[in-house]
Amino acid sequence: MRIESWYPVIMTDRVAETAAFWQTHLGFAPVFVADWYVHLRHATHPEVNLAVLDHAHETVPAGYRRPVGGVLLNLEVEDVDAEWARLQAAEGVEVLQPLRDEAFGQRHFIIRDPAGTLIDLIRVIPTSDAYADARGEG
């Protein structure tokens, strides 16, 4: 199999609001817009795509027509401190976990989009010695 593209699709009953959040706060631009589906591409990284789909749409198998749940999307960014400063001050951004360093090698914070998707903005940092085995050094 030759994969030509891969991207997550967020199923929600708040398509327009969720798409607007990703555009306003995270730098995505619309590629295709319908009332039931919006395909987004990052404005400066065109290989990064995301879609938002009405969970009740007929293209979704009947037994799975429900909003997203239990999804965490990681976005590794160049300057997590700058993103933290920008997004914690932005209107309409719900911060679920403030900026912090993790011993396993992340400096990160977590926000939530209107569909309930958790978004973890991350900068990779050195791990502590306790994680030597995890990084293949033990």
N, C-alpha and C. Protein backbone atom coordinates (compact mmCIF):
# COMPACT_ATOMS: atom_id res chain seq x y z
N MET A 1 0.84 -1.18 0.00
CA MET A 1 0.00 0.00 0.00
C MET A 1 0.88 1.24 0.00
N ARG A 2 0.53 2.19 -0.85
CA ARG A 2 1.22 3.47 -0.89
C ARG A 2 0.26 4.54 -0.36
N ILE A 3 0.55 5.06 0.81
CA ILE A 3 -0.30 6.07 1.42
C ILE A 3 0.07 7.43 0.85
N GLU A 4 -0.93 8.14 0.34
CA GLU A 4 -0.70 9.45 -0.25
C GLU A 4 -0.99 10.60 0.72
N SER A 5 -1.80 10.31 1.74
CA SER A 5 -2.15 11.34 2.71
C SER A 5 -2.71 10.65 3.95
N TRP A 6 -2.57 11.32 5.09
CA TRP A 6 -3.14 10.82 6.35
C TRP A 6 -3.49 12.03 7.19
N TYR A 7 -4.69 12.02 7.76
CA TYR A 7 -5.08 13.12 8.64
C TYR A 7 -6.24 12.68 9.52
N PRO A 8 -6.33 13.23 10.72
CA PRO A 8 -7.46 12.92 11.60
C PRO A 8 -8.72 13.67 11.17
N VAL A 9 -9.85 13.08 11.48
CA VAL A 9 -11.15 13.70 11.24
C VAL A 9 -11.88 13.76 12.58
N ILE A 10 -12.22 14.96 13.00
CA ILE A 10 -12.92 15.17 14.26
C ILE A 10 -14.42 15.14 13.99
N MET A 11 -15.12 14.20 14.61
CA MET A 11 -16.57 14.10 14.43
C MET A 11 -17.25 14.88 15.57
N THR A 12 -18.17 15.79 15.19
CA THR A 12 -18.77 16.69 16.16
C THR A 12 -20.13 17.17 15.66
N ASP A 13 -20.90 17.77 16.56
CA ASP A 13 -22.13 18.45 16.17
C ASP A 13 -21.88 19.96 16.08
N ARG A 14 -20.61 20.37 16.18
CA ARG A 14 -20.22 21.79 16.14
C ARG A 14 -19.18 22.00 15.04
N VAL A 15 -19.52 21.65 13.81
CA VAL A 15 -18.57 21.67 12.70
C VAL A 15 -18.00 23.07 12.49
N ALA A 16 -18.85 24.05 12.26
CA ALA A 16 -18.37 25.40 11.95
C ALA A 16 -17.55 25.99 13.09
N GLU A 17 -18.02 25.82 14.31
CA GLU A 17 -17.33 26.37 15.47
C GLU A 17 -15.95 25.70 15.66
N THR A 18 -15.90 24.39 15.49
CA THR A 18 -14.65 23.66 15.65
C THR A 18 -13.65 24.05 14.55
N ALA A 19 -14.11 24.12 13.30
CA ALA A 19 -13.24 24.54 12.20
C ALA A 19 -12.72 25.96 12.43
N ALA A 20 -13.58 26.83 12.89
CA ALA A 20 -13.17 28.22 13.15
C ALA A 20 -12.11 28.28 14.25
N PHE A 21 -12.22 27.45 15.27
CA PHE A 21 -11.24 27.40 16.35
C PHE A 21 -9.85 27.04 15.79
N TRP A 22 -9.79 25.99 14.98
CA TRP A 22 -8.51 25.55 14.41
C TRP A 22 -7.92 26.61 13.49
N GLN A 23 -8.78 27.37 12.80
CA GLN A 23 -8.30 28.44 11.94
C GLN A 23 -7.82 29.64 12.75
N THR A 24 -8.61 30.06 13.69
CA THR A 24 -8.32 31.25 14.48
C THR A 24 -7.10 31.07 15.38
N HIS A 25 -7.01 29.92 16.04
CA HIS A 25 -6.00 29.76 17.08
C HIS A 25 -4.79 28.92 16.69
N LEU A 26 -4.91 28.08 15.65
CA LEU A 26 -3.83 27.14 15.38
C LEU A 26 -3.28 27.21 13.95
N GLY A 27 -3.69 28.20 13.19
CA GLY A 27 -3.05 28.47 11.90
C GLY A 27 -3.50 27.62 10.72
N PHE A 28 -4.68 27.02 10.79
CA PHE A 28 -5.18 26.22 9.68
C PHE A 28 -6.04 27.07 8.75
N ALA A 29 -6.11 26.65 7.49
CA ALA A 29 -6.92 27.35 6.48
C ALA A 29 -7.82 26.33 5.79
N PRO A 30 -9.02 26.73 5.40
CA PRO A 30 -9.95 25.78 4.76
C PRO A 30 -9.52 25.43 3.33
N VAL A 31 -9.71 24.16 3.01
CA VAL A 31 -9.45 23.65 1.66
C VAL A 31 -10.79 23.29 1.00
N PHE A 32 -11.71 22.77 1.80
CA PHE A 32 -13.05 22.38 1.35
C PHE A 32 -14.00 22.69 2.49
N VAL A 33 -15.11 23.38 2.17
CA VAL A 33 -16.06 23.77 3.21
C VAL A 33 -17.47 23.42 2.78
N ALA A 34 -18.13 22.61 3.57
CA ALA A 34 -19.57 22.33 3.44
C ALA A 34 -20.16 22.45 4.84
N ASP A 35 -21.47 22.49 4.96
CA ASP A 35 -22.05 22.62 6.29
C ASP A 35 -21.81 21.38 7.15
N TRP A 36 -21.51 20.25 6.54
CA TRP A 36 -21.32 18.99 7.27
C TRP A 36 -19.86 18.54 7.34
N TYR A 37 -18.94 19.19 6.59
CA TYR A 37 -17.54 18.77 6.53
C TYR A 37 -16.65 19.96 6.17
N VAL A 38 -15.54 20.10 6.90
CA VAL A 38 -14.55 21.12 6.57
C VAL A 38 -13.17 20.44 6.59
N HIS A 39 -12.46 20.57 5.47
CA HIS A 39 -11.08 20.06 5.40
C HIS A 39 -10.16 21.25 5.59
N LEU A 40 -9.22 21.12 6.53
CA LEU A 40 -8.30 22.20 6.85
C LEU A 40 -6.86 21.78 6.59
N ARG A 41 -6.05 22.73 6.18
CA ARG A 41 -4.61 22.51 5.95
C ARG A 41 -3.87 23.62 6.69
N HIS A 42 -2.76 23.26 7.32
CA HIS A 42 -2.01 24.29 8.03
C HIS A 42 -1.42 25.28 7.03
N ALA A 43 -1.53 26.53 7.35
CA ALA A 43 -1.14 27.59 6.42
C ALA A 43 0.35 27.57 6.05
N THR A 44 1.22 27.19 6.98
CA THR A 44 2.65 27.19 6.68
C THR A 44 3.25 25.79 6.56
N HIS A 45 2.46 24.78 6.86
CA HIS A 45 2.90 23.38 6.75
C HIS A 45 1.82 22.59 6.00
N PRO A 46 1.79 22.67 4.67
CA PRO A 46 0.70 22.07 3.90
C PRO A 46 0.58 20.55 4.04
N GLU A 47 1.60 19.90 4.57
CA GLU A 47 1.51 18.45 4.79
C GLU A 47 0.68 18.11 6.03
N VAL A 48 0.36 19.12 6.84
CA VAL A 48 -0.42 18.91 8.06
C VAL A 48 -1.88 19.27 7.76
N ASN A 49 -2.75 18.25 7.80
CA ASN A 49 -4.16 18.41 7.48
C ASN A 49 -5.03 17.90 8.62
N LEU A 50 -6.26 18.36 8.64
CA LEU A 50 -7.24 17.98 9.64
C LEU A 50 -8.62 18.20 9.02
N ALA A 51 -9.57 17.37 9.39
CA ALA A 51 -10.94 17.58 8.91
C ALA A 51 -11.90 17.58 10.09
N VAL A 52 -13.02 18.24 9.90
CA VAL A 52 -14.09 18.30 10.90
C VAL A 52 -15.35 17.83 10.20
N LEU A 53 -16.03 16.84 10.78
CA LEU A 53 -17.17 16.18 10.15
C LEU A 53 -18.37 16.16 11.10
N ASP A 54 -19.55 16.45 10.57
CA ASP A 54 -20.78 16.30 11.36
C ASP A 54 -20.95 14.82 11.69
N HIS A 55 -20.94 14.51 12.97
CA HIS A 55 -20.98 13.10 13.41
C HIS A 55 -22.25 12.38 12.96
N ALA A 56 -23.30 13.11 12.62
CA ALA A 56 -24.56 12.49 12.22
C ALA A 56 -24.68 12.33 10.70
N HIS A 57 -23.65 12.68 9.95
CA HIS A 57 -23.72 12.63 8.50
C HIS A 57 -23.86 11.19 8.01
N GLU A 58 -24.56 11.02 6.91
CA GLU A 58 -24.85 9.69 6.35
C GLU A 58 -23.62 8.90 5.93
N THR A 59 -22.48 9.57 5.73
CA THR A 59 -21.27 8.84 5.36
C THR A 59 -20.65 8.09 6.54
N VAL A 60 -21.06 8.44 7.75
CA VAL A 60 -20.58 7.75 8.95
C VAL A 60 -21.47 6.53 9.18
N PRO A 61 -20.90 5.35 9.38
CA PRO A 61 -21.72 4.17 9.64
C PRO A 61 -22.69 4.42 10.81
N ALA A 62 -23.92 3.97 10.66
CA ALA A 62 -25.01 4.28 11.60
C ALA A 62 -24.64 4.05 13.06
N GLY A 63 -23.96 2.99 13.37
CA GLY A 63 -23.63 2.68 14.75
C GLY A 63 -22.54 3.55 15.35
N TYR A 64 -21.96 4.45 14.55
CA TYR A 64 -20.84 5.28 15.01
C TYR A 64 -21.13 6.77 14.90
N ARG A 65 -22.35 7.14 14.73
CA ARG A 65 -22.73 8.54 14.57
C ARG A 65 -22.85 9.22 15.93
N ARG A 66 -21.67 9.51 16.50
CA ARG A 66 -21.61 10.21 17.78
C ARG A 66 -20.39 11.12 17.78
N PRO A 67 -20.43 12.16 18.61
CA PRO A 67 -19.29 13.09 18.65
C PRO A 67 -18.00 12.41 19.12
N VAL A 68 -16.89 13.07 18.81
CA VAL A 68 -15.57 12.58 19.20
C VAL A 68 -15.50 12.42 20.72
N GLY A 69 -14.69 11.50 21.16
CA GLY A 69 -14.46 11.31 22.59
C GLY A 69 -13.14 10.59 22.81
N GLY A 70 -12.42 11.00 23.82
CA GLY A 70 -11.18 10.32 24.16
C GLY A 70 -10.05 10.52 23.18
N VAL A 71 -10.01 11.68 22.49
CA VAL A 71 -8.95 11.93 21.51
C VAL A 71 -8.06 13.06 22.01
N LEU A 72 -6.75 12.82 21.91
CA LEU A 72 -5.74 13.81 22.22
C LEU A 72 -4.83 13.93 21.01
N LEU A 73 -4.76 15.11 20.42
CA LEU A 73 -3.89 15.35 19.27
C LEU A 73 -2.66 16.11 19.73
N ASN A 74 -1.48 15.60 19.40
CA ASN A 74 -0.22 16.25 19.75
C ASN A 74 0.25 17.13 18.60
N LEU A 75 0.61 18.35 18.92
CA LEU A 75 1.21 19.26 17.96
C LEU A 75 2.58 19.66 18.51
N GLU A 76 3.65 19.13 17.91
CA GLU A 76 4.99 19.54 18.31
C GLU A 76 5.29 20.86 17.63
N VAL A 77 5.65 21.85 18.45
CA VAL A 77 5.86 23.20 17.94
C VAL A 77 7.27 23.68 18.24
N GLU A 78 7.70 24.68 17.49
CA GLU A 78 9.05 25.20 17.63
C GLU A 78 9.24 25.94 18.95
N ASP A 79 8.26 26.75 19.35
CA ASP A 79 8.39 27.58 20.55
C ASP A 79 7.13 27.44 21.40
N VAL A 80 7.11 26.45 22.27
CA VAL A 80 5.92 26.18 23.08
C VAL A 80 5.65 27.32 24.07
N ASP A 81 6.70 28.00 24.52
CA ASP A 81 6.50 29.12 25.44
C ASP A 81 5.75 30.28 24.76
N ALA A 82 6.09 30.55 23.51
CA ALA A 82 5.40 31.60 22.76
C ALA A 82 3.95 31.20 22.50
N GLU A 83 3.72 29.93 22.17
CA GLU A 83 2.34 29.46 21.95
C GLU A 83 1.55 29.54 23.25
N TRP A 84 2.18 29.18 24.36
CA TRP A 84 1.52 29.27 25.67
C TRP A 84 1.10 30.73 25.95
N ALA A 85 2.02 31.66 25.76
CA ALA A 85 1.70 33.07 26.00
C ALA A 85 0.56 33.53 25.11
N ARG A 86 0.59 33.13 23.86
CA ARG A 86 -0.44 33.56 22.90
C ARG A 86 -1.80 32.94 23.22
N LEU A 87 -1.83 31.63 23.44
CA LEU A 87 -3.11 30.94 23.58
C LEU A 87 -3.75 31.10 24.95
N GLN A 88 -2.97 31.22 26.01
CA GLN A 88 -3.60 31.42 27.31
C GLN A 88 -4.28 32.78 27.39
N ALA A 89 -3.82 33.71 26.57
CA ALA A 89 -4.41 35.05 26.54
C ALA A 89 -5.54 35.17 25.52
N ALA A 90 -5.70 34.17 24.66
CA ALA A 90 -6.69 34.25 23.58
C ALA A 90 -8.10 34.00 24.09
N GLU A 91 -9.03 34.78 23.60
CA GLU A 91 -10.43 34.60 23.94
C GLU A 91 -10.95 33.32 23.29
N GLY A 92 -11.67 32.50 24.04
CA GLY A 92 -12.27 31.29 23.51
C GLY A 92 -11.38 30.06 23.56
N VAL A 93 -10.22 30.15 24.21
CA VAL A 93 -9.33 29.00 24.35
C VAL A 93 -9.40 28.51 25.79
N GLU A 94 -9.81 27.26 25.95
CA GLU A 94 -9.90 26.65 27.27
C GLU A 94 -8.61 25.88 27.55
N VAL A 95 -7.87 26.34 28.56
CA VAL A 95 -6.64 25.66 28.96
C VAL A 95 -7.00 24.60 29.99
N LEU A 96 -6.65 23.33 29.70
CA LEU A 96 -6.95 22.24 30.62
C LEU A 96 -5.74 21.89 31.49
N GLN A 97 -4.55 22.11 30.96
CA GLN A 97 -3.32 21.86 31.71
C GLN A 97 -2.33 22.95 31.38
N PRO A 98 -1.87 23.68 32.38
CA PRO A 98 -0.92 24.76 32.10
C PRO A 98 0.44 24.23 31.67
N LEU A 99 1.24 25.13 31.15
CA LEU A 99 2.59 24.81 30.68
C LEU A 99 3.41 24.19 31.80
N ARG A 100 4.06 23.07 31.46
CA ARG A 100 4.93 22.42 32.44
C ARG A 100 5.93 21.51 31.74
N ASP A 101 7.00 21.19 32.46
CA ASP A 101 8.02 20.26 31.97
C ASP A 101 7.75 18.87 32.53
N GLU A 102 7.94 17.86 31.68
CA GLU A 102 7.75 16.47 32.09
C GLU A 102 9.09 15.75 32.05
N ALA A 103 9.34 14.87 33.00
CA ALA A 103 10.59 14.12 33.08
C ALA A 103 10.79 13.22 31.86
N PHE A 104 9.68 12.85 31.19
CA PHE A 104 9.78 11.97 30.02
C PHE A 104 10.15 12.70 28.74
N GLY A 105 10.40 14.01 28.83
CA GLY A 105 10.95 14.73 27.69
C GLY A 105 10.01 15.65 26.94
N GLN A 106 9.07 16.26 27.65
CA GLN A 106 8.18 17.22 27.00
C GLN A 106 8.01 18.46 27.87
N ARG A 107 7.97 19.60 27.21
CA ARG A 107 7.48 20.85 27.80
C ARG A 107 6.19 21.09 27.04
N HIS A 108 5.08 21.16 27.76
CA HIS A 108 3.81 21.18 27.04
C HIS A 108 2.67 21.76 27.87
N PHE A 109 1.56 22.02 27.15
CA PHE A 109 0.30 22.39 27.78
C PHE A 109 -0.83 21.83 26.92
N ILE A 110 -2.02 21.74 27.52
CA ILE A 110 -3.15 21.13 26.83
C ILE A 110 -4.33 22.09 26.82
N ILE A 111 -4.90 22.25 25.60
CA ILE A 111 -6.12 23.05 25.42
C ILE A 111 -7.20 22.13 24.85
N ARG A 112 -8.40 22.67 24.68
CA ARG A 112 -9.53 21.89 24.19
C ARG A 112 -10.24 22.68 23.10
N ASP A 113 -10.63 22.00 22.01
CA ASP A 113 -11.40 22.68 20.96
C ASP A 113 -12.89 22.55 21.26
N PRO A 114 -13.76 23.23 20.53
CA PRO A 114 -15.20 23.19 20.80
C PRO A 114 -15.83 21.80 20.67
N ALA A 115 -15.20 20.89 19.93
CA ALA A 115 -15.72 19.52 19.79
C ALA A 115 -15.35 18.65 20.98
N GLY A 116 -14.46 19.14 21.83
CA GLY A 116 -14.01 18.35 22.98
C GLY A 116 -12.68 17.65 22.74
N THR A 117 -12.06 17.87 21.59
CA THR A 117 -10.77 17.27 21.29
C THR A 117 -9.69 17.96 22.11
N LEU A 118 -8.86 17.17 22.79
CA LEU A 118 -7.75 17.73 23.54
C LEU A 118 -6.58 17.95 22.58
N ILE A 119 -5.90 19.09 22.73
CA ILE A 119 -4.78 19.45 21.87
C ILE A 119 -3.59 19.72 22.77
N ASP A 120 -2.56 18.89 22.63
CA ASP A 120 -1.36 18.98 23.45
C ASP A 120 -0.27 19.65 22.62
N LEU A 121 0.10 20.87 22.97
CA LEU A 121 1.16 21.60 22.28
C LEU A 121 2.46 21.30 23.00
N ILE A 122 3.44 20.81 22.25
CA ILE A 122 4.63 20.18 22.83
C ILE A 122 5.91 20.73 22.21
N ARG A 123 6.91 20.85 23.05
CA ARG A 123 8.30 21.05 22.61
C ARG A 123 9.08 19.91 23.27
N VAL A 124 9.80 19.14 22.48
CA VAL A 124 10.60 18.04 23.02
C VAL A 124 11.79 18.63 23.76
N ILE A 125 12.01 18.13 24.98
CA ILE A 125 13.15 18.56 25.81
C ILE A 125 13.90 17.30 26.25
N PRO A 126 15.09 17.45 26.80
CA PRO A 126 15.81 16.27 27.28
C PRO A 126 15.03 15.53 28.37
N THR A 127 15.12 14.21 28.34
CA THR A 127 14.47 13.41 29.38
C THR A 127 15.35 13.35 30.62
N SER A 128 14.74 13.01 31.74
CA SER A 128 15.52 12.82 32.96
C SER A 128 16.22 11.47 32.89
N ASP A 129 17.18 11.27 33.76
CA ASP A 129 17.88 9.98 33.80
C ASP A 129 16.94 8.82 34.10
N ALA A 130 15.85 9.09 34.78
CA ALA A 130 14.88 8.04 35.11
C ALA A 130 14.27 7.42 33.85
N TYR A 131 14.35 8.12 32.73
CA TYR A 131 13.77 7.63 31.48
C TYR A 131 14.84 7.13 30.50
N ALA A 132 16.02 6.78 31.01
CA ALA A 132 17.10 6.29 30.15
C ALA A 132 16.67 5.05 29.36
N ASP A 133 15.95 4.12 30.01
CA ASP A 133 15.49 2.92 29.31
C ASP A 133 14.52 3.26 28.20
N ALA A 134 13.64 4.21 28.43
CA ALA A 134 12.64 4.60 27.44
C ALA A 134 13.29 5.21 26.20
N ARG A 135 14.38 5.88 26.37
CA ARG A 135 15.06 6.50 25.23
C ARG A 135 16.17 5.61 24.68
N GLY A 136 16.23 4.38 25.14
CA GLY A 136 17.16 3.41 24.59
C GLY A 136 18.58 3.54 25.08
N GLU A 137 18.76 4.16 26.24
CA GLU A 137 20.11 4.35 26.77
C GLU A 137 20.38 3.48 27.99
N GLY A 138 19.41 2.69 28.39
CA GLY A 138 19.56 1.90 29.63
C GLY A 138 20.05 0.51 29.39
